[in-house]
């Protein structure tokens, strides 16, 4: 998995490529936590993500809870396969996906 950080206006965009699974989820969690409390608007660009496991879902849920307190979070460019997982798990109801 590769993660690129892009700052656009007042948002921090994490462009994620690859599989978000047990092996790679800790890397995403570390990246999000590394941005610290100054993080106000988080955008997760899933354009390059073709698979997400329960470990990846846990990281997304933890990030959503954090951002509910200190700002906002949205997911963009979610593939159909990953969107199916979000819908089956109920995550589509609690995440902002555009």
Protein backbone atom coordinates (compact mmCIF):
# COMPACT_ATOMS: atom_id res chain seq x y z
CA UNK A 1 0.00 0.00 0.00
CA UNK A 2 1.16 3.52 -0.76
CA UNK A 3 -0.13 6.66 0.96
CA UNK A 4 0.49 10.15 -0.40
CA UNK A 5 -0.31 13.22 1.67
CA UNK A 6 -1.58 16.28 -0.18
CA UNK A 7 -2.67 19.46 1.53
CA UNK A 8 -5.38 21.30 -0.39
CA UNK A 9 -6.69 24.56 1.12
CA UNK A 10 -7.85 23.54 4.61
CA UNK A 11 -8.02 19.78 3.91
CA UNK A 12 -5.49 17.01 4.27
CA UNK A 13 -5.96 14.45 1.51
CA UNK A 14 -4.57 10.96 1.95
CA UNK A 15 -4.35 9.25 -1.43
CA UNK A 16 -4.32 5.53 -0.78
CA UNK A 17 -3.26 2.88 -3.29
CA UNK A 18 -3.35 -0.87 -2.84
CA UNK A 19 -5.03 -3.22 -0.40
CA UNK A 20 -6.16 -1.98 2.99
CA UNK A 21 -5.87 -5.13 5.07
CA UNK A 22 -4.34 -6.55 8.25
CA UNK A 23 -0.82 -5.94 6.99
CA UNK A 24 -1.32 -2.37 5.75
CA UNK A 25 -4.02 -0.95 8.06
CA UNK A 26 -1.48 -0.03 10.79
CA UNK A 27 0.37 2.14 8.27
CA UNK A 28 -2.79 4.14 7.51
CA UNK A 29 -3.56 4.45 11.22
CA UNK A 30 -0.02 5.71 11.89
CA UNK A 31 -0.31 8.24 9.07
CA UNK A 32 -3.64 9.60 10.33
CA UNK A 33 -2.42 9.78 13.94
CA UNK A 34 0.80 11.40 12.75
CA UNK A 35 -1.17 14.36 11.45
CA UNK A 36 -2.10 15.12 15.07
CA UNK A 37 -4.78 17.25 16.65
CA UNK A 38 -4.28 20.02 14.08
CA UNK A 39 -6.06 17.83 11.51
CA UNK A 40 -9.42 19.50 10.78
CA UNK A 41 -10.62 18.21 7.40
CA UNK A 42 -9.54 14.74 6.38
CA UNK A 43 -10.21 13.39 2.91
CA UNK A 44 -9.41 9.74 2.19
CA UNK A 45 -9.00 9.26 -1.55
CA UNK A 46 -9.80 5.60 -2.17
CA UNK A 47 -9.25 5.83 -5.94
CA UNK A 48 -6.45 3.27 -5.76
CA UNK A 49 -7.97 0.94 -3.15
CA UNK A 50 -9.31 -2.32 -4.55
CA UNK A 51 -9.85 -4.21 -1.28
CA UNK A 52 -10.56 -3.43 2.37
CA UNK A 53 -10.61 -5.97 5.22
CA UNK A 54 -12.07 -5.75 8.72
CA UNK A 55 -8.73 -4.33 9.91
CA UNK A 56 -9.05 -1.53 7.37
CA UNK A 57 -12.66 -0.92 8.41
CA UNK A 58 -11.52 -0.59 12.03
CA UNK A 59 -8.99 2.09 11.08
CA UNK A 60 -11.62 3.98 9.07
CA UNK A 61 -14.10 3.81 11.98
CA UNK A 62 -11.47 5.00 14.47
CA UNK A 63 -10.55 7.90 12.15
CA UNK A 64 -14.23 8.82 11.75
CA UNK A 65 -14.69 8.95 15.53
CA UNK A 66 -11.59 11.13 15.88
CA UNK A 67 -12.68 13.48 13.12
CA UNK A 68 -16.21 13.78 14.55
CA UNK A 69 -14.54 15.49 17.52
CA UNK A 70 -11.96 17.66 15.77
CA UNK A 71 -13.31 18.29 12.27
CA UNK A 72 -14.69 16.34 9.34
CA UNK A 73 -13.84 13.31 7.25
CA UNK A 74 -14.98 12.15 3.85
CA UNK A 75 -14.08 9.39 1.44
CA UNK A 76 -13.82 10.03 -2.28
CA UNK A 77 -13.32 7.91 -5.40
CA UNK A 78 -14.55 4.72 -3.72
CA UNK A 79 -14.63 1.76 -6.12
CA UNK A 80 -17.75 -0.31 -6.56
CA UNK A 81 -16.14 -3.32 -4.83
CA UNK A 82 -15.16 -1.30 -1.75
CA UNK A 83 -18.53 0.48 -1.73
CA UNK A 84 -20.22 -2.93 -1.62
CA UNK A 85 -18.23 -3.73 1.53
CA UNK A 86 -19.21 -0.39 3.10
CA UNK A 87 -22.87 -1.08 2.31
CA UNK A 88 -22.83 -4.67 3.61
CA UNK A 89 -21.19 -3.63 6.88
CA UNK A 90 -23.36 -0.55 7.44
CA UNK A 91 -20.39 1.79 7.09
CA UNK A 92 -22.11 3.56 4.19
CA UNK A 93 -24.62 4.86 6.75
CA UNK A 94 -22.02 6.45 9.03
CA UNK A 95 -19.36 7.67 6.57
CA UNK A 96 -19.51 10.64 4.23
CA UNK A 97 -18.80 9.13 0.82
CA UNK A 98 -18.85 11.15 -2.37
